[in-house]
Amino acid sequence: MKTLTLLRHAKSGWDDPVARDFDRPLNEKGVRAAVAMGKKAQQMGLKIDKMIASPAERVKQTLAGFFEGYGQTIEPVWDRRIYLASSATLLEVIHEMGAEAEHLMLVGHNPGLEDLVLDLVADDGSSPLRDIVETKFPTASLAQMSWNGEDWAMLNPDESVALTAITRPRDLDPALGPDA
């Protein structure tokens, strides 16, 4: 059984005068959400074998907060392809993992992460969690999927992928929600 966890970067600061989108930092709410999601991942008992992340500044800062809450640092593989990647590109990155990791985590951006969940999990009415993602996969959200395959290269939308958990920052603290 393989586990794929997706973490979207936390809320960034649009008012920060950086020259490039790639360099945009988190805002205060985003920092708090990243720590909260790390704590939740630790409480869920997530044991991540391999992590691949976008090298964008907001992802790096999200992971710093996530690791603080998680209580452990995992050295990510920084992969520029994940920055603003489509679902198809993310799937290519996953396919390169082969069979080595049982629990793979991708940390990146929308719309690619949301689209990946929607592409992999069947739209047959059997997953209320999928419906949540289809409505919105907010910043700092965590989605966990499981799949009975043995080699990541075989993962595709035709497989039976189960969305087993979705956690949004507002699920942990209303002050981290969109209306706070």
N, C-alpha and C. Protein backbone atom coordinates (compact mmCIF):
# COMPACT_ATOMS: atom_id res chain seq x y z
N MET A 1 0.84 -1.19 0.00
CA MET A 1 0.00 0.00 0.00
C MET A 1 0.88 1.25 0.00
N LYS A 2 0.69 2.10 -0.97
CA LYS A 2 1.42 3.36 -1.07
C LYS A 2 0.55 4.49 -0.53
N THR A 3 1.20 5.47 0.07
CA THR A 3 0.51 6.66 0.57
C THR A 3 1.11 7.88 -0.09
N LEU A 4 0.24 8.72 -0.62
CA LEU A 4 0.65 9.99 -1.23
C LEU A 4 0.00 11.11 -0.44
N THR A 5 0.83 12.00 0.09
CA THR A 5 0.33 13.15 0.83
C THR A 5 0.71 14.41 0.07
N LEU A 6 -0.26 15.30 -0.07
CA LEU A 6 -0.04 16.58 -0.73
C LEU A 6 -0.22 17.69 0.28
N LEU A 7 0.71 18.63 0.28
CA LEU A 7 0.61 19.81 1.14
C LEU A 7 0.73 21.04 0.25
N ARG A 8 -0.30 21.86 0.28
CA ARG A 8 -0.23 23.13 -0.45
C ARG A 8 0.48 24.15 0.43
N HIS A 9 1.29 25.01 -0.17
CA HIS A 9 1.97 26.05 0.61
C HIS A 9 0.96 26.88 1.38
N ALA A 10 1.39 27.45 2.48
CA ALA A 10 0.52 28.27 3.33
C ALA A 10 0.30 29.64 2.69
N LYS A 11 -0.56 30.41 3.33
CA LYS A 11 -0.96 31.73 2.82
C LYS A 11 0.24 32.66 2.67
N SER A 12 0.36 33.23 1.49
CA SER A 12 1.49 34.11 1.22
C SER A 12 1.08 35.57 1.30
N GLY A 13 2.08 36.42 1.35
CA GLY A 13 1.85 37.85 1.46
C GLY A 13 1.84 38.54 0.11
N TRP A 14 0.66 38.85 -0.39
CA TRP A 14 0.54 39.52 -1.69
C TRP A 14 0.99 40.97 -1.62
N ASP A 15 1.04 41.52 -0.40
CA ASP A 15 1.42 42.92 -0.27
C ASP A 15 2.93 43.10 -0.12
N ASP A 16 3.68 42.00 -0.13
CA ASP A 16 5.13 42.09 -0.03
C ASP A 16 5.69 42.52 -1.39
N PRO A 17 6.57 43.51 -1.42
CA PRO A 17 7.04 44.06 -2.69
C PRO A 17 8.16 43.26 -3.36
N VAL A 18 8.05 41.95 -3.45
CA VAL A 18 9.08 41.16 -4.12
C VAL A 18 8.92 41.29 -5.63
N ALA A 19 10.01 41.12 -6.32
CA ALA A 19 10.00 41.29 -7.78
C ALA A 19 9.36 40.11 -8.49
N ARG A 20 9.51 38.90 -7.94
CA ARG A 20 9.00 37.71 -8.62
C ARG A 20 8.02 36.95 -7.73
N ASP A 21 7.02 36.35 -8.34
CA ASP A 21 6.08 35.50 -7.61
C ASP A 21 6.81 34.39 -6.86
N PHE A 22 7.84 33.85 -7.47
CA PHE A 22 8.63 32.77 -6.90
C PHE A 22 9.20 33.13 -5.53
N ASP A 23 9.44 34.41 -5.29
CA ASP A 23 10.08 34.88 -4.05
C ASP A 23 9.09 35.35 -2.99
N ARG A 24 7.79 35.23 -3.26
CA ARG A 24 6.79 35.73 -2.32
C ARG A 24 6.83 34.95 -1.01
N PRO A 25 6.91 35.64 0.14
CA PRO A 25 6.96 34.97 1.45
C PRO A 25 5.56 34.71 2.01
N LEU A 26 5.51 33.97 3.10
CA LEU A 26 4.25 33.75 3.81
C LEU A 26 3.87 35.00 4.59
N ASN A 27 2.57 35.14 4.83
CA ASN A 27 2.14 36.18 5.77
C ASN A 27 2.03 35.54 7.16
N GLU A 28 1.65 36.32 8.15
CA GLU A 28 1.61 35.82 9.53
C GLU A 28 0.64 34.65 9.69
N LYS A 29 -0.52 34.77 9.08
CA LYS A 29 -1.51 33.69 9.15
C LYS A 29 -0.95 32.41 8.51
N GLY A 30 -0.23 32.57 7.42
CA GLY A 30 0.38 31.42 6.75
C GLY A 30 1.40 30.71 7.62
N VAL A 31 2.20 31.47 8.35
CA VAL A 31 3.19 30.87 9.25
C VAL A 31 2.47 30.06 10.33
N ARG A 32 1.42 30.62 10.91
CA ARG A 32 0.66 29.90 11.96
C ARG A 32 0.01 28.64 11.40
N ALA A 33 -0.52 28.73 10.19
CA ALA A 33 -1.17 27.58 9.57
C ALA A 33 -0.16 26.47 9.28
N ALA A 34 1.03 26.82 8.84
CA ALA A 34 2.06 25.82 8.54
C ALA A 34 2.43 25.04 9.80
N VAL A 35 2.60 25.73 10.91
CA VAL A 35 2.92 25.06 12.18
C VAL A 35 1.76 24.15 12.60
N ALA A 36 0.53 24.65 12.48
CA ALA A 36 -0.65 23.86 12.85
C ALA A 36 -0.76 22.60 12.01
N MET A 37 -0.46 22.70 10.72
CA MET A 37 -0.54 21.52 9.85
C MET A 37 0.55 20.51 10.19
N GLY A 38 1.71 20.99 10.57
CA GLY A 38 2.77 20.07 11.01
C GLY A 38 2.36 19.32 12.26
N LYS A 39 1.75 20.02 13.21
CA LYS A 39 1.26 19.37 14.43
C LYS A 39 0.21 18.32 14.09
N LYS A 40 -0.69 18.65 13.17
CA LYS A 40 -1.73 17.71 12.77
C LYS A 40 -1.11 16.48 12.11
N ALA A 41 -0.12 16.68 11.25
CA ALA A 41 0.55 15.55 10.59
C ALA A 41 1.21 14.65 11.62
N GLN A 42 1.80 15.25 12.64
CA GLN A 42 2.43 14.46 13.70
C GLN A 42 1.37 13.68 14.47
N GLN A 43 0.24 14.30 14.78
CA GLN A 43 -0.85 13.62 15.48
C GLN A 43 -1.44 12.49 14.64
N MET A 44 -1.45 12.66 13.32
CA MET A 44 -1.96 11.62 12.42
C MET A 44 -0.97 10.46 12.30
N GLY A 45 0.24 10.66 12.77
CA GLY A 45 1.25 9.62 12.68
C GLY A 45 1.85 9.46 11.29
N LEU A 46 1.86 10.54 10.51
CA LEU A 46 2.43 10.45 9.17
C LEU A 46 3.92 10.12 9.24
N LYS A 47 4.31 9.09 8.54
CA LYS A 47 5.71 8.67 8.45
C LYS A 47 6.13 8.82 6.99
N ILE A 48 6.74 9.92 6.68
CA ILE A 48 7.07 10.28 5.31
C ILE A 48 8.44 9.73 4.94
N ASP A 49 8.48 8.90 3.89
CA ASP A 49 9.74 8.32 3.41
C ASP A 49 10.49 9.27 2.49
N LYS A 50 9.76 10.00 1.67
CA LYS A 50 10.38 10.87 0.67
C LYS A 50 9.49 12.09 0.48
N MET A 51 10.14 13.25 0.40
CA MET A 51 9.42 14.50 0.20
C MET A 51 10.03 15.23 -0.99
N ILE A 52 9.15 15.68 -1.88
CA ILE A 52 9.58 16.46 -3.03
C ILE A 52 8.82 17.78 -2.97
N ALA A 53 9.55 18.89 -3.10
CA ALA A 53 8.93 20.19 -2.90
C ALA A 53 9.38 21.21 -3.94
N SER A 54 8.49 22.13 -4.20
CA SER A 54 8.83 23.29 -5.02
C SER A 54 9.85 24.13 -4.26
N PRO A 55 10.82 24.71 -4.95
CA PRO A 55 11.80 25.55 -4.26
C PRO A 55 11.34 27.00 -4.07
N ALA A 56 10.08 27.31 -4.35
CA ALA A 56 9.59 28.67 -4.15
C ALA A 56 9.70 29.06 -2.68
N GLU A 57 9.94 30.33 -2.42
CA GLU A 57 10.15 30.81 -1.05
C GLU A 57 8.98 30.48 -0.14
N ARG A 58 7.75 30.62 -0.62
CA ARG A 58 6.60 30.34 0.25
C ARG A 58 6.50 28.86 0.61
N VAL A 59 7.01 27.98 -0.25
CA VAL A 59 7.04 26.55 0.09
C VAL A 59 8.13 26.30 1.13
N LYS A 60 9.29 26.91 0.95
CA LYS A 60 10.37 26.75 1.94
C LYS A 60 9.92 27.22 3.32
N GLN A 61 9.23 28.36 3.37
CA GLN A 61 8.75 28.87 4.65
C GLN A 61 7.63 28.00 5.21
N THR A 62 6.78 27.46 4.34
CA THR A 62 5.73 26.54 4.79
C THR A 62 6.37 25.32 5.45
N LEU A 63 7.39 24.78 4.82
CA LEU A 63 8.05 23.59 5.38
C LEU A 63 8.76 23.90 6.69
N ALA A 64 9.33 25.09 6.83
CA ALA A 64 9.97 25.46 8.10
C ALA A 64 8.94 25.42 9.23
N GLY A 65 7.76 25.98 8.99
CA GLY A 65 6.70 25.95 10.00
C GLY A 65 6.15 24.54 10.19
N PHE A 66 5.97 23.82 9.09
CA PHE A 66 5.46 22.44 9.17
C PHE A 66 6.39 21.58 10.02
N PHE A 67 7.69 21.67 9.77
CA PHE A 67 8.65 20.87 10.53
C PHE A 67 8.67 21.26 12.00
N GLU A 68 8.48 22.55 12.28
CA GLU A 68 8.40 22.99 13.67
C GLU A 68 7.24 22.29 14.38
N GLY A 69 6.09 22.26 13.74
CA GLY A 69 4.92 21.59 14.32
C GLY A 69 5.04 20.08 14.33
N TYR A 70 5.66 19.53 13.31
CA TYR A 70 5.82 18.08 13.16
C TYR A 70 6.83 17.51 14.15
N GLY A 71 7.77 18.37 14.58
CA GLY A 71 8.78 17.95 15.54
C GLY A 71 9.94 17.20 14.92
N GLN A 72 10.03 17.24 13.62
CA GLN A 72 11.09 16.52 12.91
C GLN A 72 11.29 17.20 11.55
N THR A 73 12.52 17.20 11.08
CA THR A 73 12.81 17.76 9.76
C THR A 73 13.07 16.62 8.79
N ILE A 74 12.47 16.72 7.64
CA ILE A 74 12.70 15.77 6.55
C ILE A 74 13.38 16.57 5.44
N GLU A 75 14.47 16.08 4.94
CA GLU A 75 15.19 16.81 3.88
C GLU A 75 14.45 16.62 2.56
N PRO A 76 13.82 17.67 2.05
CA PRO A 76 13.10 17.51 0.79
C PRO A 76 14.04 17.51 -0.41
N VAL A 77 13.56 16.92 -1.48
CA VAL A 77 14.20 17.06 -2.78
C VAL A 77 13.53 18.28 -3.40
N TRP A 78 14.31 19.32 -3.67
CA TRP A 78 13.76 20.54 -4.27
C TRP A 78 13.68 20.33 -5.77
N ASP A 79 12.49 20.44 -6.32
CA ASP A 79 12.28 20.18 -7.74
C ASP A 79 11.52 21.35 -8.37
N ARG A 80 12.20 22.09 -9.20
CA ARG A 80 11.62 23.29 -9.83
C ARG A 80 10.37 22.96 -10.65
N ARG A 81 10.28 21.73 -11.12
CA ARG A 81 9.11 21.36 -11.93
C ARG A 81 7.81 21.47 -11.14
N ILE A 82 7.88 21.39 -9.82
CA ILE A 82 6.67 21.44 -9.00
C ILE A 82 6.12 22.87 -8.90
N TYR A 83 6.96 23.86 -9.13
CA TYR A 83 6.51 25.25 -9.07
C TYR A 83 5.45 25.49 -10.14
N LEU A 84 4.24 25.76 -9.70
CA LEU A 84 3.10 26.04 -10.58
C LEU A 84 2.84 24.91 -11.59
N ALA A 85 3.15 23.68 -11.21
CA ALA A 85 3.01 22.52 -12.11
C ALA A 85 1.55 22.14 -12.32
N SER A 86 1.30 21.56 -13.47
CA SER A 86 0.00 20.97 -13.76
C SER A 86 -0.08 19.60 -13.09
N SER A 87 -1.27 19.05 -13.07
CA SER A 87 -1.46 17.70 -12.54
C SER A 87 -0.60 16.70 -13.31
N ALA A 88 -0.53 16.85 -14.63
CA ALA A 88 0.25 15.92 -15.46
C ALA A 88 1.73 15.98 -15.11
N THR A 89 2.25 17.17 -14.88
CA THR A 89 3.66 17.31 -14.50
C THR A 89 3.91 16.70 -13.13
N LEU A 90 3.01 16.92 -12.19
CA LEU A 90 3.16 16.32 -10.86
C LEU A 90 3.15 14.80 -10.95
N LEU A 91 2.30 14.26 -11.80
CA LEU A 91 2.25 12.81 -11.98
C LEU A 91 3.56 12.29 -12.57
N GLU A 92 4.18 13.03 -13.47
CA GLU A 92 5.49 12.64 -14.01
C GLU A 92 6.54 12.59 -12.90
N VAL A 93 6.53 13.58 -12.03
CA VAL A 93 7.47 13.60 -10.90
C VAL A 93 7.24 12.38 -10.01
N ILE A 94 5.99 12.07 -9.74
CA ILE A 94 5.65 10.90 -8.91
C ILE A 94 6.14 9.61 -9.58
N HIS A 95 5.91 9.50 -10.88
CA HIS A 95 6.31 8.29 -11.61
C HIS A 95 7.81 8.01 -11.49
N GLU A 96 8.61 9.05 -11.36
CA GLU A 96 10.06 8.88 -11.25
C GLU A 96 10.50 8.24 -9.93
N MET A 97 9.61 8.15 -8.97
CA MET A 97 9.95 7.58 -7.66
C MET A 97 10.10 6.07 -7.71
N GLY A 98 9.57 5.43 -8.72
CA GLY A 98 9.66 3.98 -8.79
C GLY A 98 8.98 3.33 -7.59
N ALA A 99 9.60 2.31 -7.03
CA ALA A 99 9.00 1.59 -5.91
C ALA A 99 9.60 1.97 -4.57
N GLU A 100 10.60 2.85 -4.56
CA GLU A 100 11.40 3.05 -3.36
C GLU A 100 10.66 3.59 -2.14
N ALA A 101 9.75 4.52 -2.29
CA ALA A 101 9.10 5.15 -1.13
C ALA A 101 7.71 4.58 -0.92
N GLU A 102 7.40 4.23 0.30
CA GLU A 102 6.04 3.79 0.63
C GLU A 102 5.14 5.00 0.84
N HIS A 103 5.69 6.05 1.47
CA HIS A 103 4.92 7.27 1.74
C HIS A 103 5.65 8.46 1.12
N LEU A 104 5.05 8.98 0.08
CA LEU A 104 5.61 10.11 -0.67
C LEU A 104 4.80 11.36 -0.37
N MET A 105 5.50 12.47 -0.16
CA MET A 105 4.82 13.74 0.08
C MET A 105 5.29 14.76 -0.95
N LEU A 106 4.32 15.43 -1.59
CA LEU A 106 4.61 16.54 -2.50
C LEU A 106 4.15 17.82 -1.84
N VAL A 107 4.98 18.86 -1.93
CA VAL A 107 4.64 20.16 -1.36
C VAL A 107 4.74 21.18 -2.48
N GLY A 108 3.63 21.83 -2.77
CA GLY A 108 3.64 22.75 -3.90
C GLY A 108 2.47 23.71 -3.93
N HIS A 109 1.88 23.83 -5.12
CA HIS A 109 0.98 24.93 -5.44
C HIS A 109 -0.30 24.44 -6.11
N ASN A 110 -1.29 25.29 -6.07
CA ASN A 110 -2.50 25.10 -6.86
C ASN A 110 -2.33 25.85 -8.18
N PRO A 111 -3.03 25.47 -9.22
CA PRO A 111 -4.10 24.49 -9.22
C PRO A 111 -3.63 23.04 -9.36
N GLY A 112 -2.34 22.82 -9.54
CA GLY A 112 -1.83 21.47 -9.80
C GLY A 112 -2.15 20.45 -8.73
N LEU A 113 -1.96 20.81 -7.45
CA LEU A 113 -2.22 19.84 -6.38
C LEU A 113 -3.69 19.46 -6.32
N GLU A 114 -4.56 20.47 -6.37
CA GLU A 114 -6.00 20.20 -6.36
C GLU A 114 -6.39 19.33 -7.55
N ASP A 115 -5.90 19.69 -8.72
CA ASP A 115 -6.22 18.92 -9.93
C ASP A 115 -5.71 17.49 -9.84
N LEU A 116 -4.57 17.28 -9.21
CA LEU A 116 -4.03 15.93 -9.05
C LEU A 116 -4.99 15.07 -8.22
N VAL A 117 -5.48 15.61 -7.13
CA VAL A 117 -6.46 14.87 -6.32
C VAL A 117 -7.69 14.55 -7.16
N LEU A 118 -8.20 15.54 -7.87
CA LEU A 118 -9.42 15.34 -8.66
C LEU A 118 -9.19 14.37 -9.81
N ASP A 119 -7.98 14.33 -10.35
CA ASP A 119 -7.67 13.38 -11.42
C ASP A 119 -7.51 11.96 -10.90
N LEU A 120 -6.93 11.81 -9.71
CA LEU A 120 -6.63 10.46 -9.20
C LEU A 120 -7.80 9.80 -8.49
N VAL A 121 -8.64 10.58 -7.83
CA VAL A 121 -9.74 10.02 -7.04
C VAL A 121 -11.01 10.06 -7.90
N ALA A 122 -11.63 8.90 -8.05
CA ALA A 122 -12.79 8.77 -8.93
C ALA A 122 -13.92 9.72 -8.54
N ASP A 123 -14.53 10.30 -9.56
CA ASP A 123 -15.67 11.20 -9.37
C ASP A 123 -16.95 10.38 -9.54
N ASP A 124 -17.17 9.46 -8.59
CA ASP A 124 -18.32 8.57 -8.68
C ASP A 124 -19.30 8.74 -7.52
N GLY A 125 -19.13 9.81 -6.76
CA GLY A 125 -20.03 10.08 -5.64
C GLY A 125 -19.70 9.33 -4.37
N SER A 126 -18.64 8.52 -4.39
CA SER A 126 -18.32 7.69 -3.23
C SER A 126 -17.37 8.37 -2.24
N SER A 127 -16.85 9.56 -2.58
CA SER A 127 -15.88 10.21 -1.72
C SER A 127 -16.32 11.63 -1.35
N PRO A 128 -16.92 11.79 -0.16
CA PRO A 128 -17.27 13.14 0.27
C PRO A 128 -16.03 14.02 0.44
N LEU A 129 -14.88 13.39 0.71
CA LEU A 129 -13.64 14.17 0.84
C LEU A 129 -13.24 14.77 -0.51
N ARG A 130 -13.48 14.03 -1.59
CA ARG A 130 -13.18 14.56 -2.92
C ARG A 130 -14.03 15.79 -3.19
N ASP A 131 -15.29 15.74 -2.75
CA ASP A 131 -16.18 16.89 -2.94
C ASP A 131 -15.63 18.13 -2.24
N ILE A 132 -15.02 17.95 -1.07
CA ILE A 132 -14.41 19.08 -0.36
C ILE A 132 -13.28 19.67 -1.20
N VAL A 133 -12.43 18.81 -1.73
CA VAL A 133 -11.31 19.28 -2.56
C VAL A 133 -11.83 19.97 -3.81
N GLU A 134 -12.88 19.41 -4.40
CA GLU A 134 -13.43 20.00 -5.62
C GLU A 134 -13.99 21.40 -5.36
N THR A 135 -14.53 21.61 -4.16
CA THR A 135 -15.02 22.93 -3.80
C THR A 135 -13.86 23.90 -3.64
N LYS A 136 -12.84 23.49 -2.90
CA LYS A 136 -11.65 24.33 -2.73
C LYS A 136 -10.60 23.56 -1.93
N PHE A 137 -9.35 23.66 -2.39
CA PHE A 137 -8.20 23.11 -1.68
C PHE A 137 -7.38 24.31 -1.23
N PRO A 138 -7.71 24.87 -0.05
CA PRO A 138 -7.10 26.14 0.38
C PRO A 138 -5.61 26.01 0.69
N THR A 139 -4.98 27.16 0.85
CA THR A 139 -3.58 27.19 1.23
C THR A 139 -3.38 26.43 2.53
N ALA A 140 -2.25 25.77 2.65
CA ALA A 140 -1.82 24.96 3.81
C ALA A 140 -2.66 23.71 4.02
N SER A 141 -3.48 23.34 3.05
CA SER A 141 -4.29 22.13 3.19
C SER A 141 -3.43 20.89 2.94
N LEU A 142 -3.85 19.81 3.59
CA LEU A 142 -3.15 18.53 3.52
C LEU A 142 -4.14 17.49 3.02
N ALA A 143 -3.78 16.78 1.97
CA ALA A 143 -4.60 15.69 1.44
C ALA A 143 -3.78 14.42 1.46
N GLN A 144 -4.39 13.35 1.95
CA GLN A 144 -3.70 12.06 2.01
C GLN A 144 -4.49 11.04 1.20
N MET A 145 -3.78 10.33 0.32
CA MET A 145 -4.39 9.31 -0.52
C MET A 145 -3.64 8.00 -0.37
N SER A 146 -4.36 6.91 -0.58
CA SER A 146 -3.71 5.59 -0.54
C SER A 146 -4.04 4.85 -1.84
N TRP A 147 -3.14 3.94 -2.16
CA TRP A 147 -3.22 3.22 -3.43
C TRP A 147 -2.55 1.87 -3.25
N ASN A 148 -3.13 0.83 -3.81
CA ASN A 148 -2.62 -0.53 -3.63
C ASN A 148 -1.48 -0.91 -4.56
N GLY A 149 -0.95 0.01 -5.31
CA GLY A 149 0.15 -0.30 -6.22
C GLY A 149 1.47 -0.52 -5.50
N GLU A 150 2.43 -1.05 -6.23
CA GLU A 150 3.76 -1.30 -5.67
C GLU A 150 4.83 -0.39 -6.25
N ASP A 151 4.54 0.24 -7.38
CA ASP A 151 5.52 1.08 -8.05
C ASP A 151 4.84 2.38 -8.45
N TRP A 152 5.40 3.50 -8.01
CA TRP A 152 4.80 4.81 -8.30
C TRP A 152 4.67 5.04 -9.81
N ALA A 153 5.51 4.41 -10.60
CA ALA A 153 5.45 4.58 -12.05
C ALA A 153 4.12 4.09 -12.63
N MET A 154 3.41 3.27 -11.88
CA MET A 154 2.15 2.71 -12.36
C MET A 154 0.92 3.53 -11.91
N LEU A 155 1.13 4.54 -11.09
CA LEU A 155 0.00 5.34 -10.61
C LEU A 155 -0.58 6.16 -11.76
N ASN A 156 -1.88 6.03 -11.95
CA ASN A 156 -2.55 6.84 -12.97
C ASN A 156 -4.02 7.00 -12.61
N PRO A 157 -4.73 7.88 -13.29
CA PRO A 157 -6.13 8.13 -12.95
C PRO A 157 -7.05 6.93 -13.09
N ASP A 158 -6.62 5.88 -13.74
CA ASP A 158 -7.46 4.70 -13.88
C ASP A 158 -7.35 3.74 -12.71
N GLU A 159 -6.45 4.01 -11.78
CA GLU A 159 -6.26 3.15 -10.62
C GLU A 159 -7.26 3.50 -9.53
N SER A 160 -7.39 2.63 -8.55
CA SER A 160 -8.28 2.87 -7.41
C SER A 160 -7.50 3.61 -6.33
N VAL A 161 -7.58 4.93 -6.38
CA VAL A 161 -6.92 5.77 -5.39
C VAL A 161 -7.98 6.26 -4.42
N ALA A 162 -7.72 6.07 -3.13
CA ALA A 162 -8.67 6.50 -2.10
C ALA A 162 -8.15 7.75 -1.41
N LEU A 163 -8.98 8.77 -1.33
CA LEU A 163 -8.66 9.97 -0.57
C LEU A 163 -9.07 9.67 0.87
N THR A 164 -8.08 9.50 1.74
CA THR A 164 -8.35 9.03 3.11
C THR A 164 -8.44 10.15 4.13
N ALA A 165 -7.88 11.32 3.81
CA ALA A 165 -7.94 12.44 4.75
C ALA A 165 -7.75 13.75 4.00
N ILE A 166 -8.47 14.75 4.46
CA ILE A 166 -8.27 16.12 3.99
C ILE A 166 -8.35 17.01 5.23
N THR A 167 -7.34 17.83 5.42
CA THR A 167 -7.33 18.75 6.56
C THR A 167 -7.01 20.14 6.04
N ARG A 168 -7.90 21.07 6.36
CA ARG A 168 -7.69 22.47 6.02
C ARG A 168 -7.32 23.21 7.30
N PRO A 169 -6.58 24.29 7.21
CA PRO A 169 -6.23 25.03 8.43
C PRO A 169 -7.44 25.41 9.28
N ARG A 170 -8.53 25.79 8.64
CA ARG A 170 -9.74 26.18 9.39
C ARG A 170 -10.35 25.02 10.16
N ASP A 171 -10.03 23.78 9.75
CA ASP A 171 -10.51 22.61 10.50
C ASP A 171 -9.81 22.51 11.85
N LEU A 172 -8.63 23.09 11.96
CA LEU A 172 -7.84 23.03 13.18
C LEU A 172 -8.04 24.25 14.07
N ASP A 173 -8.30 25.39 13.43
CA ASP A 173 -8.46 26.65 14.17
C ASP A 173 -9.25 27.61 13.29
N PRO A 174 -10.45 28.00 13.72
CA PRO A 174 -11.25 28.92 12.91
C PRO A 174 -10.51 30.22 12.57
N ALA A 175 -9.56 30.61 13.40
CA ALA A 175 -8.80 31.84 13.14
C ALA A 175 -7.89 31.69 11.92
N LEU A 176 -7.72 30.46 11.42
CA LEU A 176 -6.90 30.22 10.24
C LEU A 176 -7.75 30.10 8.98
N GLY A 177 -9.06 30.30 9.13
CA GLY A 177 -9.98 30.20 8.00
C GLY A 177 -10.00 31.44 7.14
N PRO A 178 -10.75 31.37 6.04
CA PRO A 178 -10.76 32.48 5.08
C PRO A 178 -11.43 33.75 5.60
N ASP A 179 -12.33 33.60 6.56
CA ASP A 179 -13.06 34.77 7.05
C ASP A 179 -12.45 35.37 8.30
N ALA A 180 -11.32 34.82 8.74
CA ALA A 180 -10.71 35.31 9.98
C ALA A 180 -9.81 36.49 9.74
